[in-house]
Protein backbone atom coordinates (compact mmCIF):
# COMPACT_ATOMS: atom_id res chain seq x y z
CA MET A 1 1.42 -10.80 -8.36
CA TYR A 2 3.20 -7.61 -7.33
CA THR A 3 2.26 -4.14 -6.09
CA THR A 4 4.41 -1.09 -6.69
CA VAL A 5 4.08 2.06 -4.62
CA ARG A 6 5.50 5.52 -5.21
CA GLN A 7 5.14 7.69 -2.12
CA LEU A 8 5.46 11.42 -2.65
CA GLN A 9 6.00 14.09 -0.01
CA VAL A 10 4.41 17.36 -1.10
CA GLY A 11 6.03 20.71 -0.37
CA PRO A 12 4.31 23.31 1.84
CA GLY A 13 1.23 24.88 0.28
CA ARG A 14 1.38 22.71 -2.85
CA MET A 15 -1.15 19.95 -2.09
CA GLU A 16 -3.88 21.22 -4.44
CA ASP A 17 -1.44 21.50 -7.35
CA ALA A 18 0.15 18.17 -6.45
CA LEU A 19 -3.19 16.33 -6.49
CA ALA A 20 -3.99 17.71 -9.94
CA PHE A 21 -0.53 16.70 -11.17
CA VAL A 22 -0.79 13.18 -9.73
CA GLY A 23 -4.25 12.80 -11.28
CA TYR A 24 -2.76 13.66 -14.68
CA VAL A 25 0.13 11.20 -14.24
CA VAL A 26 -2.19 8.38 -13.11
CA ASP A 27 -4.54 8.92 -16.05
CA ARG A 28 -1.64 9.09 -18.54
CA LEU A 29 0.10 5.95 -17.25
CA ASN A 30 -3.14 3.98 -17.23
CA ALA A 31 -4.35 5.14 -20.66
CA GLU A 32 -1.06 5.05 -22.55
CA HIS A 33 1.29 2.68 -20.75
CA GLY A 34 -0.70 -0.33 -19.54
CA ALA A 35 -0.79 0.53 -15.84
CA SER A 36 -3.67 0.41 -13.35
CA PHE A 37 -2.52 3.10 -10.94
CA ARG A 38 -4.64 4.63 -8.21
CA ALA A 39 -3.64 7.43 -5.85
CA SER A 40 -4.35 8.02 -2.16
CA VAL A 41 -3.59 10.61 0.51
CA ASN A 42 -2.55 9.74 4.03
CA ILE A 43 -5.01 10.18 6.91
CA GLY A 44 -3.89 10.53 10.50
CA GLY A 45 -0.20 10.41 9.66
CA ASP A 46 1.87 12.53 7.29
CA PRO A 47 -0.52 15.15 5.83
CA SER A 48 1.91 15.82 2.97
CA ALA A 49 1.98 12.21 1.72
CA ILE A 50 0.47 10.98 -1.55
CA ALA A 51 0.86 7.36 -2.68
CA MET A 52 0.51 6.05 -6.24
CA PHE A 53 0.07 2.28 -6.42
CA SER A 54 -0.57 -0.35 -9.08
CA GLN A 55 -0.72 -4.14 -9.31
CA TRP A 56 1.20 -6.25 -11.85
CA ASN A 57 1.12 -9.91 -12.76
CA THR A 58 4.91 -9.92 -13.21
CA LEU A 59 7.80 -7.56 -12.57
CA GLY A 60 8.40 -7.66 -16.32
CA GLU A 61 5.09 -5.83 -16.83
CA TYR A 62 6.21 -3.16 -14.39
CA GLY A 63 9.55 -2.80 -16.16
CA ALA A 64 7.86 -2.52 -19.56
CA MET A 65 5.61 0.26 -18.22
CA ARG A 66 8.62 2.18 -16.91
CA THR A 67 10.44 1.88 -20.24
CA SER A 68 7.35 3.00 -22.12
CA ALA A 69 6.74 5.95 -19.80
CA MET A 70 10.35 7.13 -20.05
CA GLY A 71 9.87 7.36 -23.81
CA ASP A 72 6.72 9.49 -23.50
CA GLY A 73 7.98 13.01 -24.22
CA ASP A 74 4.80 14.80 -23.13
CA LEU A 75 4.68 12.90 -19.85
CA GLN A 76 8.35 13.51 -19.10
CA THR A 77 7.96 17.23 -19.80
CA GLN A 78 5.09 17.42 -17.30
CA VAL A 79 7.06 15.38 -14.73
CA GLN A 80 10.01 17.76 -14.98
CA ALA A 81 7.71 20.77 -14.66
CA GLY A 82 5.99 19.31 -11.61
CA ALA A 83 9.09 18.13 -9.77
CA SER A 84 9.34 21.31 -7.69
CA MET A 85 6.04 20.47 -5.93
CA PHE A 86 7.61 17.54 -4.12
CA ARG A 87 10.26 17.30 -1.44
CA ARG A 88 10.81 13.56 -1.76
CA ALA A 89 9.80 10.49 -3.78
CA THR A 90 10.28 6.88 -2.65
CA ASP A 91 9.49 3.70 -4.59
CA SER A 92 8.80 0.26 -3.14
CA ILE A 93 7.91 -3.12 -4.63
CA TRP A 94 5.87 -5.75 -2.81
CA ARG A 95 5.15 -9.39 -3.67
CA VAL A 96 1.50 -10.16 -3.02
CA LEU A 97 1.04 -13.51 -1.28
CA LYS A 98 -2.71 -13.09 -0.85
CA PRO A 99 -4.64 -10.45 -2.79
CA SER A 100 -7.29 -8.33 -1.14
CA ALA A 101 -10.48 -6.95 -2.62
CA GLU A 102 -10.43 -4.22 -5.24
CA PRO A 103 -9.36 -0.81 -3.86
CA ARG A 104 -12.17 1.09 -2.17
CA GLU A 105 -12.42 4.54 -0.62
CA ILE A 106 -10.27 3.76 2.43
CA ALA A 107 -7.18 1.53 2.65
CA VAL A 108 -5.73 0.29 5.94
CA VAL A 109 -2.12 -0.89 5.76
CA ASN A 110 -0.28 -2.59 8.60
CA THR A 111 3.44 -3.33 8.35
CA ALA A 112 5.78 -5.20 10.69
CA SER A 113 9.33 -6.57 10.58
CA MET A 114 9.73 -10.34 10.76
CA TYR A 115 12.50 -12.09 12.65
CA MET A 116 14.52 -13.39 9.71
CA PRO A 117 15.25 -16.85 11.24
CA ARG A 118 11.47 -17.33 11.57
CA VAL A 119 10.32 -15.93 8.24
CA GLY A 120 8.51 -19.12 7.21
CA GLU A 121 6.50 -19.17 10.42
CA ALA A 122 5.79 -15.44 10.19
CA LEU A 123 4.45 -15.75 6.64
CA ALA A 124 2.20 -18.66 7.60
CA PHE A 125 0.97 -16.64 10.59
CA ALA A 126 0.26 -13.60 8.40
CA LEU A 127 -1.87 -15.67 6.04
CA GLU A 128 -3.70 -17.16 9.04
CA VAL A 129 -4.51 -13.66 10.29
CA ALA A 130 -5.76 -12.63 6.84
CA ASP A 131 -8.00 -15.70 6.69
CA PHE A 132 -9.35 -14.85 10.16
CA ILE A 133 -10.20 -11.34 8.95
CA ASP A 134 -11.92 -12.80 5.87
CA MET A 135 -14.09 -15.05 8.00
CA ASN A 136 -15.04 -12.43 10.58
CA THR A 137 -15.53 -9.26 8.54
CA GLU A 138 -16.76 -8.19 5.11
CA HIS A 139 -13.30 -6.80 4.32
CA PRO A 140 -11.03 -9.42 2.69
CA GLY A 141 -7.45 -8.94 3.84
CA GLY A 142 -4.31 -9.13 1.71
CA VAL A 143 -0.73 -10.03 2.58
CA ALA A 144 2.49 -8.89 0.89
CA THR A 145 6.23 -9.03 1.54
CA ALA A 146 8.85 -6.45 0.59
CA VAL A 147 10.91 -7.01 -2.54
CA THR A 148 12.86 -3.76 -2.16
CA GLY A 149 14.10 -2.02 0.98
CA ALA A 150 14.21 -4.06 4.18
CA ARG A 151 13.27 -7.57 3.07
CA SER A 152 12.03 -8.44 6.55
CA ARG A 153 8.97 -6.19 6.11
CA LEU A 154 5.54 -7.77 5.85
CA SER A 155 2.25 -6.02 5.15
CA TRP A 156 -1.39 -6.75 5.83
CA PHE A 157 -3.81 -4.56 3.91
CA GLY A 158 -7.52 -4.19 3.28
CA TYR A 159 -10.16 -1.72 2.16
CA GLY A 160 -13.39 -0.17 3.35
CA ASP A 161 -16.00 2.29 2.12
CA SER A 162 -15.44 4.88 4.87
CA LEU A 163 -13.50 5.51 8.06
CA ASP A 164 -16.51 4.35 10.07
CA ASP A 165 -16.64 1.18 7.97
CA VAL A 166 -13.04 0.19 8.73
CA ALA A 167 -13.41 1.20 12.39
CA GLU A 168 -16.42 -1.10 12.78
CA ALA A 169 -14.52 -3.96 11.14
CA ALA A 170 -11.58 -3.41 13.50
CA ASP A 171 -13.89 -3.37 16.53
CA ALA A 172 -15.47 -6.63 15.37
CA ILE A 173 -12.20 -8.56 15.39
CA GLU A 174 -10.08 -6.82 18.03
CA GLY A 175 -12.52 -7.75 20.78
CA SER A 176 -12.37 -11.41 19.82
CA GLU A 177 -10.52 -13.82 22.12
CA GLU A 178 -9.33 -15.71 19.06
CA TYR A 179 -7.82 -12.55 17.60
CA LEU A 180 -6.13 -11.69 20.90
CA ALA A 181 -4.63 -15.18 20.95
CA LEU A 182 -3.30 -14.63 17.45
CA TYR A 183 -1.83 -11.30 18.50
CA LYS A 184 -0.04 -12.97 21.41
CA ARG A 185 1.62 -15.47 19.06
CA ALA A 186 3.02 -12.60 17.00
CA GLU A 187 5.41 -11.71 19.82
CA GLN A 188 7.66 -14.61 18.84
CA LEU A 189 7.65 -13.84 15.12
CA PHE A 190 8.01 -10.06 14.72
CA VAL A 191 10.43 -7.43 15.97
CA PRO A 192 8.93 -5.67 19.02
CA GLY A 193 7.70 -2.16 18.27
CA SER A 194 7.87 -2.63 14.49
CA LEU A 195 4.10 -2.80 13.88
CA ARG A 196 2.87 0.32 12.09
CA GLN A 197 -0.59 1.20 10.73
CA SER A 198 -1.43 3.79 8.11
CA ILE A 199 -4.75 4.83 6.60
CA TRP A 200 -5.17 6.13 3.06
CA GLN A 201 -8.06 7.74 1.15
CA LEU A 202 -8.46 7.35 -2.61
CA VAL A 203 -8.22 10.56 -4.61
CA ALA A 204 -7.62 9.20 -8.14
């Protein structure tokens, strides 16, 4: 399974228009081109960021969607008209090693860079952490590795119904001695200072 993400950076004063545009694109791709896109805005980070994401069983499915969408004249006309709303667009592809639950209101995404000579150990560790989260919260955790960009990137992700919901889940595990022991082991597997967390809220 794979997840593709298109992250958009909205120009000043254009967020309302950009959200309407992204809603149209998501609906069109899902209805006409076999996608299952959702869209989220960033919370507590870049206030201009919107992310469109979808899961695929194979990369061939993703490629077929792109080919189909490029042949959709109405969609391409709208995309060209809306391009001025955005300062930047970046695509990424991730291979899902362990799926999470279905997207909910809030997504929490953690990324870190693995030491390449210890990738096998880092992947096993990541899955162990996700299993620990599954056992100790009501928020099943997913794991994915980067297919594009820096291949050393690894992601843990999960969902909650509200900011309070994900905060309570974090409090439940981060005070655990077992979790702290897991965190200590990560020092040997990941590049120091590479751990990043972002929070996203569904809008489409």
